[in-house]
């Protein structure tokens, strides 16, 4: 009888051990820096390559011009282009901020950054520098940027809570994060704007402006920094159908 009663307790202990091992195995797929943050409760799109579409095609619909106008880019600003790829936005931002402005092009693809560096040299863009980031940290200097751009790339960020938490200090007090993306499932190279707003807000940002923008093949969202950001362990992940109260701003 004693042995029979002990069996359920042994089974429970075994189940707990298996669960702990499975959790450890899952954590081993994440960087040590990301393990304090929750996982994204949604699929993450596979990297789509560094060329979203041809630059001629994008210019034909005035994409960069429209986004820079909405973001109110002016000469002398300091701007980061996250997921810069081949540099479509990088080179256009460089022209817009002028010689007294600065553009930092960031990507996690070392080969893409090398090609972009060659383009920067070829086009003599003296106000542009490049930075290699990671999946959980864009590695941006603190209190540096008037605007941070993430165009058609946030749905590919595997560790959104860690990534945004590390990005938060890089903004100047009145700085803005600019996101252009598509309203479709996050596993299909897009993200629901309500889910986007929720993930940003859980990490210490506030939605400032949202506009549907067919000419951008998606929508335009603009975030400002909240007064504080939570500690990593305080962040709770958003559900896929999370409603964050995003409203269109006119």
C-alpha atoms as a PDB file:
ATOM      1  CA  UNK A   1       0.000   0.000   0.000  1.00  0.00           C
ATOM      2  CA  UNK A   2       2.770   2.382   0.806  1.00  0.00           C
ATOM      3  CA  UNK A   3       4.380   1.672  -2.550  1.00  0.00           C
ATOM      4  CA  UNK A   4       1.075   2.107  -4.372  1.00  0.00           C
ATOM      5  CA  UNK A   5       0.498   5.508  -2.765  1.00  0.00           C
ATOM      6  CA  UNK A   6       3.981   6.621  -3.707  1.00  0.00           C
ATOM      7  CA  UNK A   7       3.435   6.037  -7.413  1.00  0.00           C
ATOM      8  CA  UNK A   8       1.331   9.169  -8.114  1.00  0.00           C
ATOM      9  CA  UNK A   9       3.897  11.328  -6.311  1.00  0.00           C
ATOM     10  CA  UNK A  10       6.708   9.785  -8.379  1.00  0.00           C
ATOM     11  CA  UNK A  11       4.737  10.309 -11.577  1.00  0.00           C
ATOM     12  CA  UNK A  12       4.134  13.951 -10.658  1.00  0.00           C
ATOM     13  CA  UNK A  13       7.805  14.496  -9.919  1.00  0.00           C
ATOM     14  CA  UNK A  14       8.762  12.852 -13.204  1.00  0.00           C
ATOM     15  CA  UNK A  15       6.304  15.049 -15.115  1.00  0.00           C
ATOM     16  CA  UNK A  16       7.732  18.144 -13.447  1.00  0.00           C
ATOM     17  CA  UNK A  17      11.261  17.098 -14.360  1.00  0.00           C
ATOM     18  CA  UNK A  18      10.265  16.509 -17.976  1.00  0.00           C
ATOM     19  CA  UNK A  19       8.552  19.902 -18.103  1.00  0.00           C
ATOM     20  CA  UNK A  20      11.621  21.610 -16.677  1.00  0.00           C
ATOM     21  CA  UNK A  21      13.849  19.885 -19.224  1.00  0.00           C
ATOM     22  CA  UNK A  22      11.559  20.928 -22.060  1.00  0.00           C
ATOM     23  CA  UNK A  23      11.587  24.527 -20.799  1.00  0.00           C
ATOM     24  CA  UNK A  24      15.383  24.477 -20.568  1.00  0.00           C
ATOM     25  CA  UNK A  25      15.584  23.088 -24.098  1.00  0.00           C
ATOM     26  CA  UNK A  26      13.340  25.884 -25.379  1.00  0.00           C
ATOM     27  CA  UNK A  27      15.383  28.516 -23.544  1.00  0.00           C
ATOM     28  CA  UNK A  28      18.556  27.183 -25.131  1.00  0.00           C
ATOM     29  CA  UNK A  29      17.235  28.385 -28.489  1.00  0.00           C
ATOM     30  CA  UNK A  30      17.185  31.955 -27.135  1.00  0.00           C
ATOM     31  CA  UNK A  31      20.084  34.248 -26.363  1.00  0.00           C
ATOM     32  CA  UNK A  32      20.908  34.659 -22.662  1.00  0.00           C
ATOM     33  CA  UNK A  33      19.930  38.343 -22.916  1.00  0.00           C
ATOM     34  CA  UNK A  34      16.428  37.453 -24.169  1.00  0.00           C
ATOM     35  CA  UNK A  35      15.533  34.857 -21.522  1.00  0.00           C
ATOM     36  CA  UNK A  36      14.325  37.430 -18.999  1.00  0.00           C
ATOM     37  CA  UNK A  37      11.667  38.557 -21.484  1.00  0.00           C
ATOM     38  CA  UNK A  38       8.484  36.746 -22.557  1.00  0.00           C
ATOM     39  CA  UNK A  39       8.348  35.022 -25.903  1.00  0.00           C
ATOM     40  CA  UNK A  40       6.167  36.471 -28.624  1.00  0.00           C
ATOM     41  CA  UNK A  41       2.759  34.806 -28.430  1.00  0.00           C
ATOM     42  CA  UNK A  42       2.467  34.710 -32.223  1.00  0.00           C
ATOM     43  CA  UNK A  43       4.241  33.243 -35.243  1.00  0.00           C
ATOM     44  CA  UNK A  44       7.299  35.114 -36.470  1.00  0.00           C
ATOM     45  CA  UNK A  45       7.785  35.542 -40.198  1.00  0.00           C
ATOM     46  CA  UNK A  46      10.877  34.079 -41.801  1.00  0.00           C
ATOM     47  CA  UNK A  47      13.410  36.582 -43.053  1.00  0.00           C
ATOM     48  CA  UNK A  48      12.281  37.702 -46.495  1.00  0.00           C
ATOM     49  CA  UNK A  49      15.612  38.909 -47.777  1.00  0.00           C
ATOM     50  CA  UNK A  50      17.068  42.387 -47.907  1.00  0.00           C
ATOM     51  CA  UNK A  51      15.081  43.598 -50.924  1.00  0.00           C
ATOM     52  CA  UNK A  52      11.377  44.143 -50.242  1.00  0.00           C
ATOM     53  CA  UNK A  53      10.793  45.137 -53.878  1.00  0.00           C
ATOM     54  CA  UNK A  54      12.621  47.196 -56.483  1.00  0.00           C
ATOM     55  CA  UNK A  55      13.520  50.742 -55.538  1.00  0.00           C
ATOM     56  CA  UNK A  56      12.105  52.024 -58.816  1.00  0.00           C
ATOM     57  CA  UNK A  57       8.773  50.384 -58.012  1.00  0.00           C
ATOM     58  CA  UNK A  58       8.738  51.818 -54.507  1.00  0.00           C
ATOM     59  CA  UNK A  59       9.597  55.291 -55.753  1.00  0.00           C
ATOM     60  CA  UNK A  60       6.884  55.076 -58.404  1.00  0.00           C
ATOM     61  CA  UNK A  61       4.249  55.147 -55.652  1.00  0.00           C
ATOM     62  CA  UNK A  62       6.160  57.692 -53.607  1.00  0.00           C
ATOM     63  CA  UNK A  63       6.699  55.334 -50.677  1.00  0.00           C
ATOM     64  CA  UNK A  64       9.748  56.870 -49.004  1.00  0.00           C
ATOM     65  CA  UNK A  65       8.610  60.410 -49.753  1.00  0.00           C
ATOM     66  CA  UNK A  66       5.233  59.724 -48.126  1.00  0.00           C
ATOM     67  CA  UNK A  67       6.710  58.042 -45.038  1.00  0.00           C
ATOM     68  CA  UNK A  68       9.297  60.763 -44.498  1.00  0.00           C
ATOM     69  CA  UNK A  69       6.577  63.412 -44.816  1.00  0.00           C
ATOM     70  CA  UNK A  70       4.377  61.653 -42.239  1.00  0.00           C
ATOM     71  CA  UNK A  71       7.390  61.333 -39.918  1.00  0.00           C
ATOM     72  CA  UNK A  72       8.240  65.013 -40.449  1.00  0.00           C
ATOM     73  CA  UNK A  73      11.884  64.369 -41.282  1.00  0.00           C
ATOM     74  CA  UNK A  74      13.859  67.620 -41.338  1.00  0.00           C
ATOM     75  CA  UNK A  75      17.460  68.657 -42.016  1.00  0.00           C
ATOM     76  CA  UNK A  76      19.745  68.129 -39.040  1.00  0.00           C
ATOM     77  CA  UNK A  77      17.853  65.186 -37.543  1.00  0.00           C
ATOM     78  CA  UNK A  78      19.509  61.995 -36.314  1.00  0.00           C
ATOM     79  CA  UNK A  79      17.688  58.926 -37.641  1.00  0.00           C
ATOM     80  CA  UNK A  80      18.086  55.135 -37.361  1.00  0.00           C
ATOM     81  CA  UNK A  81      17.016  52.757 -40.137  1.00  0.00           C
ATOM     82  CA  UNK A  82      16.447  49.355 -38.499  1.00  0.00           C
ATOM     83  CA  UNK A  83      16.583  46.386 -40.849  1.00  0.00           C
ATOM     84  CA  UNK A  84      18.215  48.638 -43.418  1.00  0.00           C
ATOM     85  CA  UNK A  85      18.961  45.841 -45.906  1.00  0.00           C
ATOM     86  CA  UNK A  86      20.121  47.234 -49.230  1.00  0.00           C
ATOM     87  CA  UNK A  87      19.529  50.786 -48.011  1.00  0.00           C
ATOM     88  CA  UNK A  88      16.366  51.977 -49.750  1.00  0.00           C
ATOM     89  CA  UNK A  89      15.406  54.178 -46.795  1.00  0.00           C
ATOM     90  CA  UNK A  90      18.978  54.789 -45.649  1.00  0.00           C
ATOM     91  CA  UNK A  91      20.038  56.704 -48.757  1.00  0.00           C
ATOM     92  CA  UNK A  92      16.794  58.694 -48.962  1.00  0.00           C
ATOM     93  CA  UNK A  93      16.932  59.598 -45.284  1.00  0.00           C
ATOM     94  CA  UNK A  94      20.534  60.684 -45.746  1.00  0.00           C
ATOM     95  CA  UNK A  95      19.453  63.146 -48.429  1.00  0.00           C
ATOM     96  CA  UNK A  96      16.555  64.410 -46.324  1.00  0.00           C
ATOM     97  CA  UNK A  97      18.471  65.075 -43.090  1.00  0.00           C
ATOM     98  CA  UNK A  98      21.303  66.718 -45.016  1.00  0.00           C
ATOM     99  CA  UNK A  99      24.944  67.228 -44.168  1.00  0.00           C
ATOM    100  CA  UNK A 100      24.201  68.315 -40.599  1.00  0.00           C
ATOM    101  CA  UNK A 101      22.044  65.257 -39.937  1.00  0.00           C
ATOM    102  CA  UNK A 102      23.041  61.655 -39.297  1.00  0.00           C
ATOM    103  CA  UNK A 103      21.668  58.257 -40.343  1.00  0.00           C
ATOM    104  CA  UNK A 104      22.558  54.979 -38.658  1.00  0.00           C
ATOM    105  CA  UNK A 105      21.749  51.912 -40.770  1.00  0.00           C
ATOM    106  CA  UNK A 106      21.259  48.791 -38.623  1.00  0.00           C
ATOM    107  CA  UNK A 107      20.729  45.166 -39.631  1.00  0.00           C
ATOM    108  CA  UNK A 108      21.414  41.662 -38.316  1.00  0.00           C
ATOM    109  CA  UNK A 109      22.553  40.496 -41.781  1.00  0.00           C
ATOM    110  CA  UNK A 110      26.298  41.083 -41.944  1.00  0.00           C
ATOM    111  CA  UNK A 111      26.458  40.477 -45.718  1.00  0.00           C
ATOM    112  CA  UNK A 112      23.688  42.998 -46.358  1.00  0.00           C
ATOM    113  CA  UNK A 113      25.523  45.577 -44.248  1.00  0.00           C
ATOM    114  CA  UNK A 114      28.710  44.971 -46.206  1.00  0.00           C
ATOM    115  CA  UNK A 115      26.863  45.637 -49.470  1.00  0.00           C
ATOM    116  CA  UNK A 116      25.243  48.701 -47.958  1.00  0.00           C
ATOM    117  CA  UNK A 117      28.645  49.945 -46.800  1.00  0.00           C
ATOM    118  CA  UNK A 118      29.894  49.672 -50.368  1.00  0.00           C
ATOM    119  CA  UNK A 119      26.880  51.613 -51.588  1.00  0.00           C
ATOM    120  CA  UNK A 120      27.464  54.315 -48.990  1.00  0.00           C
ATOM    121  CA  UNK A 121      31.055  54.696 -50.169  1.00  0.00           C
ATOM    122  CA  UNK A 122      30.020  54.631 -53.825  1.00  0.00           C
ATOM    123  CA  UNK A 123      27.394  57.336 -53.321  1.00  0.00           C
ATOM    124  CA  UNK A 124      29.644  59.286 -50.934  1.00  0.00           C
ATOM    125  CA  UNK A 125      27.114  59.481 -48.127  1.00  0.00           C
ATOM    126  CA  UNK A 126      29.317  60.997 -45.441  1.00  0.00           C
ATOM    127  CA  UNK A 127      26.439  61.333 -42.970  1.00  0.00           C
ATOM    128  CA  UNK A 128      25.690  57.578 -42.826  1.00  0.00           C
ATOM    129  CA  UNK A 129      27.192  54.861 -40.622  1.00  0.00           C
ATOM    130  CA  UNK A 130      26.304  51.176 -40.257  1.00  0.00           C
ATOM    131  CA  UNK A 131      25.732  49.005 -37.191  1.00  0.00           C
ATOM    132  CA  UNK A 132      25.391  45.245 -36.751  1.00  0.00           C
ATOM    133  CA  UNK A 133      22.593  44.382 -34.315  1.00  0.00           C
ATOM    134  CA  UNK A 134      21.150  41.161 -32.934  1.00  0.00           C
ATOM    135  CA  UNK A 135      17.703  39.570 -32.856  1.00  0.00           C
ATOM    136  CA  UNK A 136      17.054  40.858 -29.342  1.00  0.00           C
ATOM    137  CA  UNK A 137      19.002  44.146 -29.314  1.00  0.00           C
ATOM    138  CA  UNK A 138      19.502  46.720 -32.097  1.00  0.00           C
ATOM    139  CA  UNK A 139      22.629  47.970 -30.259  1.00  0.00           C
ATOM    140  CA  UNK A 140      21.762  51.655 -30.630  1.00  0.00           C
ATOM    141  CA  UNK A 141      23.467  54.400 -28.604  1.00  0.00           C
ATOM    142  CA  UNK A 142      21.303  55.898 -25.883  1.00  0.00           C
ATOM    143  CA  UNK A 143      19.458  59.242 -26.151  1.00  0.00           C
ATOM    144  CA  UNK A 144      20.534  59.644 -29.768  1.00  0.00           C
ATOM    145  CA  UNK A 145      17.637  59.529 -32.237  1.00  0.00           C
ATOM    146  CA  UNK A 146      14.864  61.852 -33.324  1.00  0.00           C
ATOM    147  CA  UNK A 147      13.325  59.066 -35.392  1.00  0.00           C
ATOM    148  CA  UNK A 148      13.781  55.295 -35.573  1.00  0.00           C
ATOM    149  CA  UNK A 149      12.396  53.572 -38.685  1.00  0.00           C
ATOM    150  CA  UNK A 150      11.235  49.944 -38.887  1.00  0.00           C
ATOM    151  CA  UNK A 151       9.734  49.418 -42.334  1.00  0.00           C
ATOM    152  CA  UNK A 152       8.227  46.045 -43.324  1.00  0.00           C
ATOM    153  CA  UNK A 153      10.437  44.240 -40.830  1.00  0.00           C
ATOM    154  CA  UNK A 154       8.910  44.172 -37.327  1.00  0.00           C
ATOM    155  CA  UNK A 155       7.013  40.942 -38.079  1.00  0.00           C
ATOM    156  CA  UNK A 156      10.425  39.284 -38.542  1.00  0.00           C
ATOM    157  CA  UNK A 157      11.713  40.257 -35.072  1.00  0.00           C
ATOM    158  CA  UNK A 158      11.956  37.006 -33.099  1.00  0.00           C
ATOM    159  CA  UNK A 159      12.272  38.657 -29.688  1.00  0.00           C
ATOM    160  CA  UNK A 160      10.005  41.730 -29.903  1.00  0.00           C
ATOM    161  CA  UNK A 161       9.845  42.433 -26.156  1.00  0.00           C
ATOM    162  CA  UNK A 162      13.604  42.264 -25.645  1.00  0.00           C
ATOM    163  CA  UNK A 163      14.210  44.142 -28.886  1.00  0.00           C
ATOM    164  CA  UNK A 164      11.852  47.022 -28.067  1.00  0.00           C
ATOM    165  CA  UNK A 165      13.038  47.177 -24.451  1.00  0.00           C
ATOM    166  CA  UNK A 166      16.626  47.692 -25.640  1.00  0.00           C
ATOM    167  CA  UNK A 167      15.475  50.155 -28.295  1.00  0.00           C
ATOM    168  CA  UNK A 168      13.588  52.362 -25.790  1.00  0.00           C
ATOM    169  CA  UNK A 169      16.643  54.238 -24.396  1.00  0.00           C
ATOM    170  CA  UNK A 170      17.902  55.107 -27.895  1.00  0.00           C
ATOM    171  CA  UNK A 171      15.158  57.686 -28.459  1.00  0.00           C
ATOM    172  CA  UNK A 172      15.521  61.310 -27.500  1.00  0.00           C
ATOM    173  CA  UNK A 173      12.757  62.461 -25.104  1.00  0.00           C
ATOM    174  CA  UNK A 174      10.647  63.759 -28.000  1.00  0.00           C
ATOM    175  CA  UNK A 175      11.752  61.079 -30.465  1.00  0.00           C
ATOM    176  CA  UNK A 176       9.441  58.748 -32.393  1.00  0.00           C
ATOM    177  CA  UNK A 177       9.513  55.156 -33.640  1.00  0.00           C
ATOM    178  CA  UNK A 178       8.047  54.785 -37.144  1.00  0.00           C
ATOM    179  CA  UNK A 179       6.596  51.415 -38.185  1.00  0.00           C
ATOM    180  CA  UNK A 180       5.301  50.562 -41.648  1.00  0.00           C
ATOM    181  CA  UNK A 181       3.759  47.111 -41.955  1.00  0.00           C
ATOM    182  CA  UNK A 182       0.839  45.135 -43.370  1.00  0.00           C
ATOM    183  CA  UNK A 183      -2.373  44.103 -41.595  1.00  0.00           C
ATOM    184  CA  UNK A 184      -2.250  40.333 -42.013  1.00  0.00           C
ATOM    185  CA  UNK A 185      -1.188  37.325 -39.900  1.00  0.00           C
ATOM    186  CA  UNK A 186       2.270  37.696 -38.418  1.00  0.00           C
ATOM    187  CA  UNK A 187       3.390  34.412 -39.935  1.00  0.00           C
ATOM    188  CA  UNK A 188       2.628  35.823 -43.393  1.00  0.00           C
ATOM    189  CA  UNK A 189       4.878  38.897 -43.360  1.00  0.00           C
ATOM    190  CA  UNK A 190       2.544  41.264 -41.582  1.00  0.00           C
ATOM    191  CA  UNK A 191       1.122  42.032 -38.138  1.00  0.00           C
ATOM    192  CA  UNK A 192      -2.275  43.070 -36.840  1.00  0.00           C
ATOM    193  CA  UNK A 193      -1.959  46.762 -35.882  1.00  0.00           C
ATOM    194  CA  UNK A 194      -3.724  46.131 -32.562  1.00  0.00           C
ATOM    195  CA  UNK A 195      -1.194  43.439 -31.696  1.00  0.00           C
ATOM    196  CA  UNK A 196       1.629  45.724 -32.816  1.00  0.00           C
ATOM    197  CA  UNK A 197       0.377  48.502 -30.530  1.00  0.00           C
ATOM    198  CA  UNK A 198      -0.004  46.065 -27.640  1.00  0.00           C
ATOM    199  CA  UNK A 199       3.567  44.777 -27.931  1.00  0.00           C
ATOM    200  CA  UNK A 200       4.936  48.313 -28.041  1.00  0.00           C
ATOM    201  CA  UNK A 201       2.816  49.460 -25.100  1.00  0.00           C
ATOM    202  CA  UNK A 202       3.807  46.491 -22.909  1.00  0.00           C
ATOM    203  CA  UNK A 203       7.438  47.622 -23.177  1.00  0.00           C
ATOM    204  CA  UNK A 204       6.991  51.334 -22.496  1.00  0.00           C
ATOM    205  CA  UNK A 205       5.798  53.030 -25.693  1.00  0.00           C
ATOM    206  CA  UNK A 206       2.569  54.840 -26.548  1.00  0.00           C
ATOM    207  CA  UNK A 207       0.800  54.842 -29.891  1.00  0.00           C
ATOM    208  CA  UNK A 208       0.902  58.424 -31.167  1.00  0.00           C
ATOM    209  CA  UNK A 209      -0.429  58.159 -34.736  1.00  0.00           C
ATOM    210  CA  UNK A 210      -1.979  55.422 -36.877  1.00  0.00           C
ATOM    211  CA  UNK A 211      -2.990  55.715 -40.528  1.00  0.00           C
ATOM    212  CA  UNK A 212      -4.119  53.220 -43.126  1.00  0.00           C
ATOM    213  CA  UNK A 213      -1.900  53.898 -46.109  1.00  0.00           C
ATOM    214  CA  UNK A 214      -2.679  51.925 -49.298  1.00  0.00           C
ATOM    215  CA  UNK A 215       0.140  53.708 -51.126  1.00  0.00           C
ATOM    216  CA  UNK A 216       2.515  52.086 -48.625  1.00  0.00           C
ATOM    217  CA  UNK A 217       0.987  48.624 -49.167  1.00  0.00           C
ATOM    218  CA  UNK A 218      -0.064  48.642 -45.526  1.00  0.00           C
ATOM    219  CA  UNK A 219      -0.286  51.062 -42.619  1.00  0.00           C
ATOM    220  CA  UNK A 220       1.793  53.724 -40.881  1.00  0.00           C
ATOM    221  CA  UNK A 221       2.142  53.654 -37.073  1.00  0.00           C
ATOM    222  CA  UNK A 222       4.037  56.137 -34.944  1.00  0.00           C
ATOM    223  CA  UNK A 223       5.043  55.584 -31.317  1.00  0.00           C
ATOM    224  CA  UNK A 224       6.509  57.828 -28.673  1.00  0.00           C
ATOM    225  CA  UNK A 225       8.339  56.798 -25.554  1.00  0.00           C
ATOM    226  CA  UNK A 226       6.387  56.561 -22.302  1.00  0.00           C
ATOM    227  CA  UNK A 227       7.816  58.100 -19.126  1.00  0.00           C
ATOM    228  CA  UNK A 228       9.184  54.748 -17.938  1.00  0.00           C
ATOM    229  CA  UNK A 229       9.721  51.214 -19.169  1.00  0.00           C
ATOM    230  CA  UNK A 230       8.948  48.107 -17.105  1.00  0.00           C
ATOM    231  CA  UNK A 231      11.531  45.683 -15.833  1.00  0.00           C
ATOM    232  CA  UNK A 232      11.848  42.608 -18.098  1.00  0.00           C
ATOM    233  CA  UNK A 233      10.161  40.268 -15.579  1.00  0.00           C
ATOM    234  CA  UNK A 234       7.166  42.624 -15.341  1.00  0.00           C
ATOM    235  CA  UNK A 235       6.338  42.384 -19.059  1.00  0.00           C
ATOM    236  CA  UNK A 236       3.351  40.227 -19.931  1.00  0.00           C
ATOM    237  CA  UNK A 237       3.004  38.988 -23.523  1.00  0.00           C
ATOM    238  CA  UNK A 238       0.078  40.055 -25.686  1.00  0.00           C
ATOM    239  CA  UNK A 239      -2.340  37.503 -27.068  1.00  0.00           C
ATOM    240  CA  UNK A 240      -2.787  37.228 -30.828  1.00  0.00           C
ATOM    241  CA  UNK A 241      -6.208  38.859 -30.679  1.00  0.00           C
ATOM    242  CA  UNK A 242      -5.088  41.512 -28.206  1.00  0.00           C
ATOM    243  CA  UNK A 243      -6.983  44.776 -28.567  1.00  0.00           C
ATOM    244  CA  UNK A 244      -4.757  47.672 -27.617  1.00  0.00           C
ATOM    245  CA  UNK A 245      -7.128  50.432 -28.546  1.00  0.00           C
ATOM    246  CA  UNK A 246      -5.279  51.695 -31.604  1.00  0.00           C
ATOM    247  CA  UNK A 247      -7.172  54.580 -33.123  1.00  0.00           C
ATOM    248  CA  UNK A 248      -6.618  56.394 -36.378  1.00  0.00           C
ATOM    249  CA  UNK A 249      -5.158  59.821 -35.795  1.00  0.00           C
ATOM    250  CA  UNK A 250      -5.997  62.688 -38.111  1.00  0.00           C
END
